[in-house]
PDB file of N, CA and C in Angstrom:
ATOM      1  N   MET A   1      16.753   9.087 -22.077  1.00  0.00           N
ATOM      2  CA  MET A   1      17.282   8.835 -20.470  1.00  0.00           C
ATOM      3  C   MET A   1      15.833   8.040 -19.562  1.00  0.00           C
ATOM      4  N   THR A   2      14.511   8.475 -20.485  1.00  0.00           N
ATOM      5  CA  THR A   2      13.684   8.019 -20.055  1.00  0.00           C
ATOM      6  C   THR A   2      13.192   6.380 -20.578  1.00  0.00           C
ATOM      7  N   TRP A   3      13.663   6.859 -21.803  1.00  0.00           N
ATOM      8  CA  TRP A   3      13.293   5.130 -22.247  1.00  0.00           C
ATOM      9  C   TRP A   3      14.104   3.925 -21.446  1.00  0.00           C
ATOM     10  N   THR A   4      15.753   4.224 -20.951  1.00  0.00           N
ATOM     11  CA  THR A   4      16.192   3.571 -20.706  1.00  0.00           C
ATOM     12  C   THR A   4      15.974   2.678 -19.760  1.00  0.00           C
ATOM     13  N   VAL A   5      15.247   4.209 -18.236  1.00  0.00           N
ATOM     14  CA  VAL A   5      14.895   3.795 -16.885  1.00  0.00           C
ATOM     15  C   VAL A   5      13.377   2.660 -17.102  1.00  0.00           C
ATOM     16  N   VAL A   6      12.377   3.186 -18.657  1.00  0.00           N
ATOM     17  CA  VAL A   6      11.471   2.109 -18.686  1.00  0.00           C
ATOM     18  C   VAL A   6      11.960   0.673 -19.008  1.00  0.00           C
ATOM     19  N   LEU A   7      12.637   0.604 -19.735  1.00  0.00           N
ATOM     20  CA  LEU A   7      13.637  -0.917 -20.072  1.00  0.00           C
ATOM     21  C   LEU A   7      14.214  -1.225 -19.075  1.00  0.00           C
ATOM     22  N   VAL A   8      15.110  -0.385 -18.561  1.00  0.00           N
ATOM     23  CA  VAL A   8      15.451  -1.294 -17.635  1.00  0.00           C
ATOM     24  C   VAL A   8      14.759  -1.501 -16.355  1.00  0.00           C
ATOM     25  N   ALA A   9      13.426  -0.816 -15.885  1.00  0.00           N
ATOM     26  CA  ALA A   9      12.207  -1.461 -14.824  1.00  0.00           C
ATOM     27  C   ALA A   9      11.586  -2.642 -15.512  1.00  0.00           C
ATOM     28  N   ALA A  10      11.383  -2.748 -16.621  1.00  0.00           N
ATOM     29  CA  ALA A  10      10.133  -3.597 -17.532  1.00  0.00           C
ATOM     30  C   ALA A  10      11.521  -4.780 -17.438  1.00  0.00           C
ATOM     31  N   VAL A  11      12.728  -4.921 -17.551  1.00  0.00           N
ATOM     32  CA  VAL A  11      13.649  -5.925 -17.457  1.00  0.00           C
ATOM     33  C   VAL A  11      13.502  -6.403 -15.901  1.00  0.00           C
ATOM     34  N   GLY A  12      13.962  -5.669 -14.889  1.00  0.00           N
ATOM     35  CA  GLY A  12      13.875  -5.959 -13.787  1.00  0.00           C
ATOM     36  C   GLY A  12      12.529  -6.293 -13.199  1.00  0.00           C
ATOM     37  N   CYS A  13      11.685  -5.937 -13.503  1.00  0.00           N
ATOM     38  CA  CYS A  13      10.108  -6.835 -13.026  1.00  0.00           C
ATOM     39  C   CYS A  13      10.010  -7.900 -13.518  1.00  0.00           C
ATOM     40  N   TYR A  14      10.560  -8.227 -14.917  1.00  0.00           N
ATOM     41  CA  TYR A  14      10.026  -9.602 -15.646  1.00  0.00           C
ATOM     42  C   TYR A  14      11.203 -10.680 -14.869  1.00  0.00           C
ATOM     43  N   LEU A  15      12.593  -9.980 -14.399  1.00  0.00           N
ATOM     44  CA  LEU A  15      13.385 -11.268 -13.994  1.00  0.00           C
ATOM     45  C   LEU A  15      12.776 -11.094 -12.584  1.00  0.00           C
ATOM     46  N   LEU A  16      12.173 -10.433 -11.713  1.00  0.00           N
ATOM     47  CA  LEU A  16      11.796 -10.444 -10.616  1.00  0.00           C
ATOM     48  C   LEU A  16      11.086 -11.592 -10.631  1.00  0.00           C
ATOM     49  N   LYS A  17       9.956 -11.988 -11.871  1.00  0.00           N
ATOM     50  CA  LYS A  17       8.923 -12.631 -11.960  1.00  0.00           C
ATOM     51  C   LYS A  17       9.119 -13.702 -12.281  1.00  0.00           C
ATOM     52  N   TYR A  18      10.380 -14.078 -12.863  1.00  0.00           N
ATOM     53  CA  TYR A  18      10.770 -15.245 -13.138  1.00  0.00           C
ATOM     54  C   TYR A  18      11.487 -15.689 -12.140  1.00  0.00           C
ATOM     55  N   ALA A  19      12.241 -15.005 -11.494  1.00  0.00           N
ATOM     56  CA  ALA A  19      13.155 -15.875 -10.027  1.00  0.00           C
ATOM     57  C   ALA A  19      11.802 -16.351  -9.895  1.00  0.00           C
ATOM     58  N   GLY A  20      10.705 -15.986  -9.198  1.00  0.00           N
ATOM     59  CA  GLY A  20       9.497 -16.478  -8.257  1.00  0.00           C
ATOM     60  C   GLY A  20       8.654 -17.586  -8.856  1.00  0.00           C
ATOM     61  N   LEU A  21       8.863 -17.664 -10.272  1.00  0.00           N
ATOM     62  CA  LEU A  21       8.575 -19.240 -10.395  1.00  0.00           C
ATOM     63  C   LEU A  21       9.691 -19.773 -10.879  1.00  0.00           C
ATOM     64  N   ALA A  22      10.656 -19.653 -10.857  1.00  0.00           N
ATOM     65  CA  ALA A  22      12.127 -20.176 -11.107  1.00  0.00           C
ATOM     66  C   ALA A  22      12.284 -20.740  -9.253  1.00  0.00           C
ATOM     67  N   ALA A  23      11.925 -20.770  -8.687  1.00  0.00           N
ATOM     68  CA  ALA A  23      12.044 -20.661  -7.066  1.00  0.00           C
ATOM     69  C   ALA A  23      12.332 -22.522  -7.119  1.00  0.00           C
ATOM     70  N   PRO A  24      12.902 -23.173  -6.695  1.00  0.00           N
ATOM     71  CA  PRO A  24      12.784 -24.862  -5.895  1.00  0.00           C
ATOM     72  C   PRO A  24      11.233 -24.737  -5.072  1.00  0.00           C
ATOM     73  N   ALA A  25      10.426 -25.710  -4.873  1.00  0.00           N
ATOM     74  CA  ALA A  25       9.413 -26.111  -4.455  1.00  0.00           C
ATOM     75  C   ALA A  25       9.864 -26.440  -2.818  1.00  0.00           C
ATOM     76  N   GLY A  26      11.119 -27.055  -2.279  1.00  0.00           N
ATOM     77  CA  GLY A  26      11.642 -27.160  -1.456  1.00  0.00           C
ATOM     78  C   GLY A  26      11.698 -25.612  -0.367  1.00  0.00           C
ATOM     79  N   LEU A  27      12.074 -24.959  -1.125  1.00  0.00           N
ATOM     80  CA  LEU A  27      12.654 -23.416  -0.893  1.00  0.00           C
ATOM     81  C   LEU A  27      11.011 -22.704  -0.158  1.00  0.00           C
ATOM     82  N   LEU A  28      10.387 -22.746  -1.173  1.00  0.00           N
ATOM     83  CA  LEU A  28       8.594 -21.747  -0.429  1.00  0.00           C
ATOM     84  C   LEU A  28       7.950 -23.361   0.222  1.00  0.00           C
ATOM     85  N   ASP A  29       8.373 -24.386   0.476  1.00  0.00           N
ATOM     86  CA  ASP A  29       7.891 -24.716   1.457  1.00  0.00           C
ATOM     87  C   ASP A  29       8.109 -24.746   2.870  1.00  0.00           C
ATOM     88  N   ARG A  30       9.262 -24.161   3.079  1.00  0.00           N
ATOM     89  CA  ARG A  30       9.519 -23.805   4.531  1.00  0.00           C
ATOM     90  C   ARG A  30       9.125 -22.532   5.438  1.00  0.00           C
ATOM     91  N   PRO A  31       8.643 -22.925   6.681  1.00  0.00           N
ATOM     92  CA  PRO A  31       7.458 -22.452   7.223  1.00  0.00           C
ATOM     93  C   PRO A  31       7.989 -20.639   6.962  1.00  0.00           C
ATOM     94  N   ALA A  32       8.903 -20.481   7.155  1.00  0.00           N
ATOM     95  CA  ALA A  32       9.818 -19.072   7.054  1.00  0.00           C
ATOM     96  C   ALA A  32       9.415 -18.476   6.224  1.00  0.00           C
ATOM     97  N   VAL A  33       9.734 -19.037   4.682  1.00  0.00           N
ATOM     98  CA  VAL A  33       9.483 -18.663   3.681  1.00  0.00           C
ATOM     99  C   VAL A  33       7.806 -17.755   3.278  1.00  0.00           C
ATOM    100  N   ARG A  34       7.396 -19.518   3.979  1.00  0.00           N
ATOM    101  CA  ARG A  34       5.957 -19.082   3.486  1.00  0.00           C
ATOM    102  C   ARG A  34       5.203 -17.685   3.796  1.00  0.00           C
ATOM    103  N   ARG A  35       5.537 -17.607   5.157  1.00  0.00           N
ATOM    104  CA  ARG A  35       5.382 -17.114   6.181  1.00  0.00           C
ATOM    105  C   ARG A  35       5.513 -15.411   5.526  1.00  0.00           C
ATOM    106  N   ALA A  36       6.853 -14.973   5.241  1.00  0.00           N
ATOM    107  CA  ALA A  36       7.021 -13.976   4.572  1.00  0.00           C
ATOM    108  C   ALA A  36       6.304 -13.235   3.219  1.00  0.00           C
ATOM    109  N   VAL A  37       5.885 -14.504   2.135  1.00  0.00           N
ATOM    110  CA  VAL A  37       5.586 -14.349   1.115  1.00  0.00           C
ATOM    111  C   VAL A  37       3.980 -14.193   0.940  1.00  0.00           C
ATOM    112  N   GLU A  38       3.708 -14.629   2.260  1.00  0.00           N
ATOM    113  CA  GLU A  38       2.160 -14.390   2.643  1.00  0.00           C
ATOM    114  C   GLU A  38       2.220 -12.996   3.526  1.00  0.00           C
ATOM    115  N   LEU A  39       2.684 -12.196   3.905  1.00  0.00           N
ATOM    116  CA  LEU A  39       2.988 -11.073   4.501  1.00  0.00           C
ATOM    117  C   LEU A  39       3.556 -10.082   3.749  1.00  0.00           C
ATOM    118  N   VAL A  40       4.234  -9.964   2.397  1.00  0.00           N
ATOM    119  CA  VAL A  40       4.785  -9.113   1.345  1.00  0.00           C
ATOM    120  C   VAL A  40       3.683  -8.035   1.085  1.00  0.00           C
ATOM    121  N   PRO A  41       2.410  -8.636   0.510  1.00  0.00           N
ATOM    122  CA  PRO A  41       1.627  -8.064  -0.038  1.00  0.00           C
ATOM    123  C   PRO A  41       0.294  -7.098   1.344  1.00  0.00           C
ATOM    124  N   ALA A  42       0.686  -7.018   1.793  1.00  0.00           N
ATOM    125  CA  ALA A  42       0.244  -6.312   2.996  1.00  0.00           C
ATOM    126  C   ALA A  42       1.119  -5.336   3.061  1.00  0.00           C
ATOM    127  N   ALA A  43       2.117  -5.281   3.289  1.00  0.00           N
ATOM    128  CA  ALA A  43       3.182  -4.451   3.978  1.00  0.00           C
ATOM    129  C   ALA A  43       3.560  -3.814   2.466  1.00  0.00           C
ATOM    130  N   MET A  44       3.298  -3.664   1.225  1.00  0.00           N
ATOM    131  CA  MET A  44       3.941  -3.302   0.219  1.00  0.00           C
ATOM    132  C   MET A  44       2.167  -2.531   0.150  1.00  0.00           C
ATOM    133  N   LEU A  45       1.211  -2.843   0.282  1.00  0.00           N
ATOM    134  CA  LEU A  45      -0.112  -2.023   0.707  1.00  0.00           C
ATOM    135  C   LEU A  45      -0.093  -0.783   1.598  1.00  0.00           C
ATOM    136  N   ALA A  46       0.757  -1.311   2.964  1.00  0.00           N
ATOM    137  CA  ALA A  46       0.183  -0.720   3.903  1.00  0.00           C
ATOM    138  C   ALA A  46       1.610   0.515   3.622  1.00  0.00           C
ATOM    139  N   ALA A  47       2.747   0.480   2.520  1.00  0.00           N
ATOM    140  CA  ALA A  47       3.833   1.768   2.635  1.00  0.00           C
ATOM    141  C   ALA A  47       3.151   2.675   1.382  1.00  0.00           C
ATOM    142  N   LEU A  48       2.419   1.627  -0.004  1.00  0.00           N
ATOM    143  CA  LEU A  48       1.714   3.083   0.168  1.00  0.00           C
ATOM    144  C   LEU A  48       0.774   3.627  -0.003  1.00  0.00           C
ATOM    145  N   VAL A  49      -0.145   2.766   1.091  1.00  0.00           N
ATOM    146  CA  VAL A  49      -1.098   3.922   1.712  1.00  0.00           C
ATOM    147  C   VAL A  49      -0.808   4.862   2.660  1.00  0.00           C
ATOM    148  N   VAL A  50       0.613   5.090   3.732  1.00  0.00           N
ATOM    149  CA  VAL A  50       1.443   5.987   4.081  1.00  0.00           C
ATOM    150  C   VAL A  50       2.052   6.907   3.495  1.00  0.00           C
ATOM    151  N   VAL A  51       3.000   6.182   2.232  1.00  0.00           N
ATOM    152  CA  VAL A  51       3.587   7.297   1.498  1.00  0.00           C
ATOM    153  C   VAL A  51       2.209   8.349   1.093  1.00  0.00           C
ATOM    154  N   GLN A  52       1.207   7.923   0.100  1.00  0.00           N
ATOM    155  CA  GLN A  52       0.006   8.478  -0.307  1.00  0.00           C
ATOM    156  C   GLN A  52      -0.399   9.465   0.912  1.00  0.00           C
ATOM    157  N   ALA A  53      -0.563   9.188   2.138  1.00  0.00           N
ATOM    158  CA  ALA A  53      -1.492   9.668   3.454  1.00  0.00           C
ATOM    159  C   ALA A  53      -0.554  11.039   3.747  1.00  0.00           C
ATOM    160  N   LEU A  54       0.831  10.609   3.795  1.00  0.00           N
ATOM    161  CA  LEU A  54       1.775  11.552   4.590  1.00  0.00           C
ATOM    162  C   LEU A  54       2.855  12.199   3.910  1.00  0.00           C
ATOM    163  N   THR A  55       2.535  11.752   2.543  1.00  0.00           N
ATOM    164  CA  THR A  55       3.840  12.729   1.675  1.00  0.00           C
ATOM    165  C   THR A  55       2.836  13.273   0.700  1.00  0.00           C
ATOM    166  N   ASP A  56       3.971  14.447   0.047  1.00  0.00           N
ATOM    167  CA  ASP A  56       3.301  15.282  -1.130  1.00  0.00           C
ATOM    168  C   ASP A  56       5.015  16.189  -1.439  1.00  0.00           C
ATOM    169  N   GLY A  57       5.168  15.017  -2.783  1.00  0.00           N
ATOM    170  CA  GLY A  57       6.288  15.387  -3.657  1.00  0.00           C
ATOM    171  C   GLY A  57       6.981  14.723  -2.808  1.00  0.00           C
ATOM    172  N   ARG A  58       8.646  15.529  -2.066  1.00  0.00           N
ATOM    173  CA  ARG A  58       9.231  15.020  -0.907  1.00  0.00           C
ATOM    174  C   ARG A  58       8.891  15.237   0.500  1.00  0.00           C
ATOM    175  N   ALA A  59       7.940  16.262   0.744  1.00  0.00           N
ATOM    176  CA  ALA A  59       7.504  16.543   2.031  1.00  0.00           C
ATOM    177  C   ALA A  59       6.478  15.716   2.405  1.00  0.00           C
ATOM    178  N   LEU A  60       6.494  16.163   3.781  1.00  0.00           N
ATOM    179  CA  LEU A  60       5.860  15.110   4.854  1.00  0.00           C
ATOM    180  C   LEU A  60       4.880  16.197   4.829  1.00  0.00           C
ATOM    181  N   VAL A  61       3.522  15.768   5.123  1.00  0.00           N
ATOM    182  CA  VAL A  61       2.537  16.558   4.780  1.00  0.00           C
ATOM    183  C   VAL A  61       1.701  15.740   6.162  1.00  0.00           C
ATOM    184  N   LEU A  62       1.149  16.896   6.942  1.00  0.00           N
ATOM    185  CA  LEU A  62       0.072  16.269   7.740  1.00  0.00           C
ATOM    186  C   LEU A  62      -1.544  16.795   7.541  1.00  0.00           C
ATOM    187  N   ASP A  63      -2.411  16.816   6.222  1.00  0.00           N
ATOM    188  CA  ASP A  63      -3.688  17.333   6.158  1.00  0.00           C
ATOM    189  C   ASP A  63      -4.804  16.323   6.271  1.00  0.00           C
ATOM    190  N   SER A  64      -5.843  16.765   5.682  1.00  0.00           N
ATOM    191  CA  SER A  64      -7.480  15.684   5.493  1.00  0.00           C
ATOM    192  C   SER A  64      -6.683  14.794   5.244  1.00  0.00           C
ATOM    193  N   ARG A  65      -6.024  14.265   4.127  1.00  0.00           N
ATOM    194  CA  ARG A  65      -5.886  13.170   4.038  1.00  0.00           C
ATOM    195  C   ARG A  65      -5.471  11.846   5.456  1.00  0.00           C
ATOM    196  N   LEU A  66      -5.232  12.183   6.191  1.00  0.00           N
ATOM    197  CA  LEU A  66      -4.299  12.095   7.591  1.00  0.00           C
ATOM    198  C   LEU A  66      -6.235  11.623   8.276  1.00  0.00           C
ATOM    199  N   VAL A  67      -6.633  12.464   8.285  1.00  0.00           N
ATOM    200  CA  VAL A  67      -7.870  12.949   9.080  1.00  0.00           C
ATOM    201  C   VAL A  67      -8.756  11.435   8.478  1.00  0.00           C
ATOM    202  N   GLY A  68      -8.762  11.581   7.031  1.00  0.00           N
ATOM    203  CA  GLY A  68      -9.800  10.115   6.211  1.00  0.00           C
ATOM    204  C   GLY A  68      -9.258   8.881   6.572  1.00  0.00           C
ATOM    205  N   LEU A  69      -7.747   8.928   7.073  1.00  0.00           N
ATOM    206  CA  LEU A  69      -7.407   7.236   7.046  1.00  0.00           C
ATOM    207  C   LEU A  69      -7.253   7.050   8.599  1.00  0.00           C
ATOM    208  N   ALA A  70      -7.197   7.816   9.323  1.00  0.00           N
ATOM    209  CA  ALA A  70      -7.592   7.385  10.174  1.00  0.00           C
ATOM    210  C   ALA A  70      -9.216   7.285  10.746  1.00  0.00           C
ATOM    211  N   ALA A  71      -9.801   7.814  10.517  1.00  0.00           N
ATOM    212  CA  ALA A  71     -11.729   8.233  10.159  1.00  0.00           C
ATOM    213  C   ALA A  71     -11.328   6.385   9.316  1.00  0.00           C
ATOM    214  N   ALA A  72     -11.275   5.844   8.468  1.00  0.00           N
ATOM    215  CA  ALA A  72     -11.280   4.539   7.612  1.00  0.00           C
ATOM    216  C   ALA A  72     -10.683   3.541   8.838  1.00  0.00           C
ATOM    217  N   THR A  73      -9.305   3.847   9.733  1.00  0.00           N
ATOM    218  CA  THR A  73      -9.243   3.108  10.690  1.00  0.00           C
ATOM    219  C   THR A  73      -9.807   2.623  11.596  1.00  0.00           C
ATOM    220  N   VAL A  74     -10.613   3.556  12.072  1.00  0.00           N
ATOM    221  CA  VAL A  74     -11.520   3.509  13.217  1.00  0.00           C
ATOM    222  C   VAL A  74     -12.738   2.237  12.783  1.00  0.00           C
ATOM    223  N   ALA A  75     -13.058   3.091  11.756  1.00  0.00           N
ATOM    224  CA  ALA A  75     -14.148   1.923  11.325  1.00  0.00           C
ATOM    225  C   ALA A  75     -14.128   0.837  10.754  1.00  0.00           C
ATOM    226  N   LEU A  76     -12.695   0.740  10.000  1.00  0.00           N
ATOM    227  CA  LEU A  76     -12.253  -0.915   9.957  1.00  0.00           C
ATOM    228  C   LEU A  76     -12.208  -1.558  11.499  1.00  0.00           C
ATOM    229  N   LEU A  77     -12.131  -0.960  12.374  1.00  0.00           N
ATOM    230  CA  LEU A  77     -11.356  -1.552  13.691  1.00  0.00           C
ATOM    231  C   LEU A  77     -13.058  -2.041  14.563  1.00  0.00           C
ATOM    232  N   LEU A  78     -14.186  -1.340  13.907  1.00  0.00           N
ATOM    233  CA  LEU A  78     -15.239  -1.204  14.373  1.00  0.00           C
ATOM    234  C   LEU A  78     -16.295  -2.051  13.065  1.00  0.00           C
ATOM    235  N   ARG A  79     -15.543  -2.820  12.659  1.00  0.00           N
ATOM    236  CA  ARG A  79     -15.611  -4.146  11.736  1.00  0.00           C
ATOM    237  C   ARG A  79     -17.364  -3.503  10.510  1.00  0.00           C
ATOM    238  N   ALA A  80     -16.735  -2.458   9.695  1.00  0.00           N
ATOM    239  CA  ALA A  80     -17.593  -1.720   9.145  1.00  0.00           C
ATOM    240  C   ALA A  80     -17.789  -2.102   7.352  1.00  0.00           C
ATOM    241  N   PRO A  81     -18.380  -2.090   7.134  1.00  0.00           N
ATOM    242  CA  PRO A  81     -18.865  -2.864   5.684  1.00  0.00           C
ATOM    243  C   PRO A  81     -18.240  -1.999   4.742  1.00  0.00           C
ATOM    244  N   PHE A  82     -16.664  -2.551   4.023  1.00  0.00           N
ATOM    245  CA  PHE A  82     -16.294  -1.482   2.879  1.00  0.00           C
ATOM    246  C   PHE A  82     -16.765  -0.372   2.395  1.00  0.00           C
ATOM    247  N   LEU A  83     -18.195  -0.322   2.166  1.00  0.00           N
ATOM    248  CA  LEU A  83     -18.767   0.767   1.087  1.00  0.00           C
ATOM    249  C   LEU A  83     -18.495   1.986   1.967  1.00  0.00           C
ATOM    250  N   VAL A  84     -18.772   1.798   3.657  1.00  0.00           N
ATOM    251  CA  VAL A  84     -19.422   2.450   4.943  1.00  0.00           C
ATOM    252  C   VAL A  84     -17.199   3.082   5.190  1.00  0.00           C
ATOM    253  N   VAL A  85     -16.825   2.297   5.425  1.00  0.00           N
ATOM    254  CA  VAL A  85     -15.579   2.527   6.109  1.00  0.00           C
ATOM    255  C   VAL A  85     -14.999   3.656   4.308  1.00  0.00           C
ATOM    256  N   LEU A  86     -14.970   3.417   3.294  1.00  0.00           N
ATOM    257  CA  LEU A  86     -14.974   4.442   2.347  1.00  0.00           C
ATOM    258  C   LEU A  86     -15.530   5.587   2.939  1.00  0.00           C
ATOM    259  N   LEU A  87     -16.996   5.668   3.053  1.00  0.00           N
ATOM    260  CA  LEU A  87     -17.717   6.889   2.603  1.00  0.00           C
ATOM    261  C   LEU A  87     -17.691   7.552   4.397  1.00  0.00           C
ATOM    262  N   VAL A  88     -17.019   6.635   5.027  1.00  0.00           N
ATOM    263  CA  VAL A  88     -16.674   7.345   6.766  1.00  0.00           C
ATOM    264  C   VAL A  88     -15.618   7.889   6.097  1.00  0.00           C
ATOM    265  N   ALA A  89     -14.439   7.577   5.409  1.00  0.00           N
ATOM    266  CA  ALA A  89     -12.734   8.111   5.127  1.00  0.00           C
ATOM    267  C   ALA A  89     -13.178   8.878   4.423  1.00  0.00           C
ATOM    268  N   GLY A  90     -14.072   9.430   2.994  1.00  0.00           N
ATOM    269  CA  GLY A  90     -14.227  10.375   2.341  1.00  0.00           C
ATOM    270  C   GLY A  90     -15.104  11.368   3.035  1.00  0.00           C
ATOM    271  N   GLY A  91     -15.804  11.003   3.700  1.00  0.00           N
ATOM    272  CA  GLY A  91     -16.785  12.467   4.922  1.00  0.00           C
ATOM    273  C   GLY A  91     -15.492  12.549   5.190  1.00  0.00           C
ATOM    274  N   ALA A  92     -14.963  12.056   6.181  1.00  0.00           N
ATOM    275  CA  ALA A  92     -13.846  12.450   7.423  1.00  0.00           C
ATOM    276  C   ALA A  92     -12.880  13.627   6.899  1.00  0.00           C
ATOM    277  N   ALA A  93     -12.141  12.729   5.560  1.00  0.00           N
ATOM    278  CA  ALA A  93     -11.106  13.929   4.962  1.00  0.00           C
ATOM    279  C   ALA A  93     -11.878  15.328   4.276  1.00  0.00           C
ATOM    280  N   ALA A  94     -12.765  15.082   3.637  1.00  0.00           N
ATOM    281  CA  ALA A  94     -13.644  16.536   2.973  1.00  0.00           C
ATOM    282  C   ALA A  94     -13.608  17.249   4.116  1.00  0.00           C
ATOM    283  N   LEU A  95     -14.783  16.965   5.552  1.00  0.00           N
ATOM    284  CA  LEU A  95     -14.990  17.952   6.474  1.00  0.00           C
ATOM    285  C   LEU A  95     -13.839  18.347   6.827  1.00  0.00           C
ATOM    286  N   ALA A  96     -12.427  17.706   6.902  1.00  0.00           N
ATOM    287  CA  ALA A  96     -11.599  18.156   7.238  1.00  0.00           C
ATOM    288  C   ALA A  96     -10.823  19.475   6.653  1.00  0.00           C
ATOM    289  N   HIS A  97     -11.042  18.929   5.497  1.00  0.00           N
ATOM    290  CA  HIS A  97     -10.643  20.077   4.666  1.00  0.00           C
ATOM    291  C   HIS A  97     -11.154  21.446   4.427  1.00  0.00           C
ATOM    292  N   THR A  98     -12.316  21.490   4.285  1.00  0.00           N
ATOM    293  CA  THR A  98     -13.320  22.234   4.658  1.00  0.00           C
ATOM    294  C   THR A  98     -12.951  23.016   5.719  1.00  0.00           C
ATOM    295  N   LEU A  99     -12.656  22.314   6.875  1.00  0.00           N
ATOM    296  CA  LEU A  99     -12.609  23.153   7.700  1.00  0.00           C
ATOM    297  C   LEU A  99     -10.736  23.759   8.313  1.00  0.00           C
ATOM    298  N   THR A 100     -10.230  23.080   7.307  1.00  0.00           N
ATOM    299  CA  THR A 100      -8.988  24.215   7.341  1.00  0.00           C
ATOM    300  C   THR A 100      -8.544  24.977   5.986  1.00  0.00           C
TER     301      THR A 100
END
C-alpha cells in the first residue's frame, strides 16, 4: 500500500512538472495566468507555515509556535534583517514555552 502511494505521488509530480513545461507560450503570456503563477509559491509557503504553526496532527493547537510566528511577523513589518527575524521568533517562542 505504501509503495503504491509513493509511486502514484511520484507519477503525479512528474506529470504536473511536464504539464508546466508543455504549456504553450501563448497561455503563459496572458497577464492573469502570469500573475497567478507568480503568486502560487508565496501562497504555498504561507499555507505550510500556517499548518506547521497552528496544528499538531489533526488538532488545532494554539501554543508557543504562534507567539514565535507573531513575533516574526512584527520583526518583518519593522524591516528587520532575516537573521534578526529568526532570533526574535525563536526567542519569543522559547520564552512563551518556558512561561507555559
